[in-house]
Amino acid sequence: MTVSAMVMAVALVRIDQRLSRNDQLRSLCAAFWGAPDSGERESHAWAETKRLVGVDQLDMLSFCRFYGE
């Protein structure tokens, strides 16, 4: 019984972490969409998203369409 409780606790923590990360990415996409073109906020959102996602080449428009809604 304690093993199953531990497995469930780990699963819940991982789900919470994933939801938190997705919320953070959605916020960055909102900042990207709402920022003036080539502005500092747009550049920051793009850099932060690339850092979180872990890719060098990122098409922010396509990425945010996926995470946007």
N, C-alpha and C. Protein backbone atom coordinates (compact mmCIF):
# COMPACT_ATOMS: atom_id res chain seq x y z
N MET A 1 0.82 -1.19 0.00
CA MET A 1 0.00 0.00 0.00
C MET A 1 0.87 1.26 0.00
N THR A 2 1.96 1.25 0.73
CA THR A 2 2.82 2.43 0.76
C THR A 2 3.51 2.66 -0.58
N VAL A 3 3.78 1.56 -1.29
CA VAL A 3 4.40 1.69 -2.61
C VAL A 3 3.44 2.38 -3.57
N SER A 4 2.19 1.97 -3.55
CA SER A 4 1.22 2.59 -4.46
C SER A 4 0.98 4.06 -4.08
N ALA A 5 1.01 4.38 -2.81
CA ALA A 5 0.87 5.77 -2.38
C ALA A 5 2.06 6.59 -2.87
N MET A 6 3.24 6.00 -2.82
CA MET A 6 4.44 6.70 -3.28
C MET A 6 4.39 6.93 -4.79
N VAL A 7 3.96 5.91 -5.53
CA VAL A 7 3.85 6.04 -6.98
C VAL A 7 2.84 7.13 -7.33
N MET A 8 1.73 7.17 -6.62
CA MET A 8 0.73 8.18 -6.88
C MET A 8 1.24 9.58 -6.54
N ALA A 9 1.97 9.70 -5.46
CA ALA A 9 2.52 11.00 -5.09
C ALA A 9 3.50 11.50 -6.14
N VAL A 10 4.35 10.61 -6.63
CA VAL A 10 5.30 10.99 -7.68
C VAL A 10 4.57 11.40 -8.95
N ALA A 11 3.55 10.64 -9.31
CA ALA A 11 2.77 10.97 -10.51
C ALA A 11 2.10 12.33 -10.38
N LEU A 12 1.54 12.62 -9.22
CA LEU A 12 0.89 13.91 -9.01
C LEU A 12 1.87 15.07 -9.07
N VAL A 13 3.05 14.88 -8.53
CA VAL A 13 4.08 15.92 -8.58
C VAL A 13 4.50 16.16 -10.03
N ARG A 14 4.69 15.09 -10.79
CA ARG A 14 5.09 15.24 -12.20
C ARG A 14 4.00 15.93 -13.01
N ILE A 15 2.75 15.60 -12.76
CA ILE A 15 1.65 16.25 -13.46
C ILE A 15 1.62 17.74 -13.12
N ASP A 16 1.80 18.06 -11.84
CA ASP A 16 1.82 19.45 -11.42
C ASP A 16 2.97 20.22 -12.07
N GLN A 17 4.14 19.60 -12.16
CA GLN A 17 5.28 20.24 -12.80
C GLN A 17 5.01 20.50 -14.28
N ARG A 18 4.41 19.52 -14.96
CA ARG A 18 4.11 19.69 -16.38
C ARG A 18 3.08 20.79 -16.60
N LEU A 19 2.05 20.83 -15.76
CA LEU A 19 1.05 21.89 -15.89
C LEU A 19 1.65 23.26 -15.63
N SER A 20 2.54 23.33 -14.65
CA SER A 20 3.21 24.60 -14.35
C SER A 20 4.07 25.06 -15.53
N ARG A 21 4.79 24.13 -16.12
CA ARG A 21 5.63 24.45 -17.28
C ARG A 21 4.78 24.90 -18.46
N ASN A 22 3.67 24.20 -18.70
CA ASN A 22 2.77 24.58 -19.80
C ASN A 22 2.19 25.97 -19.57
N ASP A 23 1.83 26.29 -18.32
CA ASP A 23 1.32 27.62 -18.00
C ASP A 23 2.38 28.68 -18.27
N GLN A 24 3.61 28.36 -17.91
CA GLN A 24 4.71 29.30 -18.14
C GLN A 24 4.92 29.53 -19.64
N LEU A 25 4.86 28.46 -20.42
CA LEU A 25 5.02 28.59 -21.87
C LEU A 25 3.86 29.38 -22.48
N ARG A 26 2.64 29.16 -22.00
CA ARG A 26 1.50 29.94 -22.50
C ARG A 26 1.67 31.42 -22.18
N SER A 27 2.18 31.72 -20.99
CA SER A 27 2.42 33.11 -20.62
C SER A 27 3.47 33.75 -21.52
N LEU A 28 4.52 33.00 -21.83
CA LEU A 28 5.55 33.52 -22.73
C LEU A 28 4.99 33.74 -24.13
N CYS A 29 4.14 32.84 -24.59
CA CYS A 29 3.51 33.02 -25.90
C CYS A 29 2.60 34.25 -25.89
N ALA A 30 1.88 34.46 -24.81
CA ALA A 30 1.03 35.64 -24.71
C ALA A 30 1.87 36.91 -24.76
N ALA A 31 3.02 36.88 -24.08
CA ALA A 31 3.92 38.04 -24.10
C ALA A 31 4.47 38.25 -25.51
N PHE A 32 4.78 37.14 -26.19
CA PHE A 32 5.30 37.24 -27.56
C PHE A 32 4.25 37.85 -28.49
N TRP A 33 3.01 37.35 -28.40
CA TRP A 33 1.96 37.84 -29.29
C TRP A 33 1.60 39.28 -28.98
N GLY A 34 1.66 39.68 -27.70
CA GLY A 34 1.24 41.02 -27.31
C GLY A 34 2.33 42.07 -27.44
N ALA A 35 3.56 41.65 -27.68
CA ALA A 35 4.68 42.59 -27.74
C ALA A 35 4.78 43.23 -29.13
N PRO A 36 5.31 44.46 -29.16
CA PRO A 36 5.56 45.07 -30.47
C PRO A 36 6.58 44.25 -31.25
N ASP A 37 6.44 44.22 -32.57
CA ASP A 37 7.37 43.47 -33.41
C ASP A 37 8.80 43.92 -33.16
N SER A 38 9.67 42.95 -33.00
CA SER A 38 11.10 43.17 -32.77
C SER A 38 11.38 43.97 -31.51
N GLY A 39 10.44 44.00 -30.59
CA GLY A 39 10.64 44.72 -29.34
C GLY A 39 11.39 43.88 -28.32
N GLU A 40 11.73 44.51 -27.22
CA GLU A 40 12.48 43.84 -26.16
C GLU A 40 11.66 42.72 -25.51
N ARG A 41 10.36 42.97 -25.28
CA ARG A 41 9.51 41.93 -24.67
C ARG A 41 9.39 40.71 -25.57
N GLU A 42 9.28 40.95 -26.87
CA GLU A 42 9.20 39.85 -27.84
C GLU A 42 10.49 39.04 -27.82
N SER A 43 11.62 39.72 -27.83
CA SER A 43 12.92 39.05 -27.81
C SER A 43 13.11 38.24 -26.53
N HIS A 44 12.70 38.84 -25.41
CA HIS A 44 12.83 38.13 -24.13
C HIS A 44 11.95 36.88 -24.09
N ALA A 45 10.71 37.00 -24.54
CA ALA A 45 9.80 35.84 -24.56
C ALA A 45 10.36 34.74 -25.46
N TRP A 46 10.93 35.13 -26.59
CA TRP A 46 11.50 34.15 -27.52
C TRP A 46 12.69 33.45 -26.89
N ALA A 47 13.58 34.22 -26.27
CA ALA A 47 14.78 33.63 -25.64
C ALA A 47 14.40 32.72 -24.49
N GLU A 48 13.45 33.14 -23.65
CA GLU A 48 13.03 32.33 -22.51
C GLU A 48 12.39 31.04 -22.98
N THR A 49 11.56 31.12 -24.02
CA THR A 49 10.90 29.92 -24.53
C THR A 49 11.92 28.94 -25.11
N LYS A 50 12.88 29.46 -25.87
CA LYS A 50 13.93 28.58 -26.42
C LYS A 50 14.70 27.91 -25.28
N ARG A 51 14.96 28.64 -24.21
CA ARG A 51 15.69 28.07 -23.07
C ARG A 51 14.86 26.95 -22.41
N LEU A 52 13.57 27.21 -22.21
CA LEU A 52 12.72 26.22 -21.56
C LEU A 52 12.51 24.98 -22.42
N VAL A 53 12.34 25.19 -23.72
CA VAL A 53 12.07 24.08 -24.62
C VAL A 53 13.34 23.32 -24.96
N GLY A 54 14.45 24.04 -24.99
CA GLY A 54 15.74 23.40 -25.23
C GLY A 54 16.08 23.20 -26.70
N VAL A 55 15.65 24.12 -27.53
CA VAL A 55 15.99 24.04 -28.95
C VAL A 55 16.60 25.36 -29.38
N ASP A 56 17.50 25.28 -30.34
CA ASP A 56 18.13 26.49 -30.86
C ASP A 56 17.28 27.15 -31.94
N GLN A 57 16.71 26.33 -32.80
CA GLN A 57 15.87 26.85 -33.88
C GLN A 57 14.42 26.66 -33.48
N LEU A 58 13.74 27.75 -33.27
CA LEU A 58 12.36 27.68 -32.83
C LEU A 58 11.54 28.67 -33.64
N ASP A 59 10.51 28.18 -34.28
CA ASP A 59 9.57 29.06 -34.96
C ASP A 59 8.51 29.44 -33.95
N MET A 60 8.66 30.61 -33.38
CA MET A 60 7.80 31.04 -32.28
C MET A 60 6.33 31.09 -32.68
N LEU A 61 6.05 31.49 -33.92
CA LEU A 61 4.66 31.57 -34.35
C LEU A 61 4.00 30.19 -34.36
N SER A 62 4.67 29.21 -34.92
CA SER A 62 4.12 27.85 -34.95
C SER A 62 4.03 27.27 -33.55
N PHE A 63 5.06 27.52 -32.76
CA PHE A 63 5.08 27.00 -31.39
C PHE A 63 3.92 27.56 -30.59
N CYS A 64 3.70 28.87 -30.69
CA CYS A 64 2.65 29.50 -29.91
C CYS A 64 1.25 29.13 -30.42
N ARG A 65 1.14 28.80 -31.68
CA ARG A 65 -0.16 28.30 -32.16
C ARG A 65 -0.49 26.99 -31.47
N PHE A 66 0.52 26.16 -31.24
CA PHE A 66 0.31 24.89 -30.56
C PHE A 66 -0.06 25.12 -29.09
N TYR A 67 0.67 26.01 -28.40
CA TYR A 67 0.43 26.24 -26.98
C TYR A 67 -0.60 27.32 -26.70
N GLY A 68 -0.99 28.06 -27.74
CA GLY A 68 -1.81 29.24 -27.52
C GLY A 68 -3.16 29.02 -26.89
N GLU A 69 -3.89 28.03 -27.30
CA GLU A 69 -5.25 27.94 -26.82
C GLU A 69 -5.58 26.62 -26.31
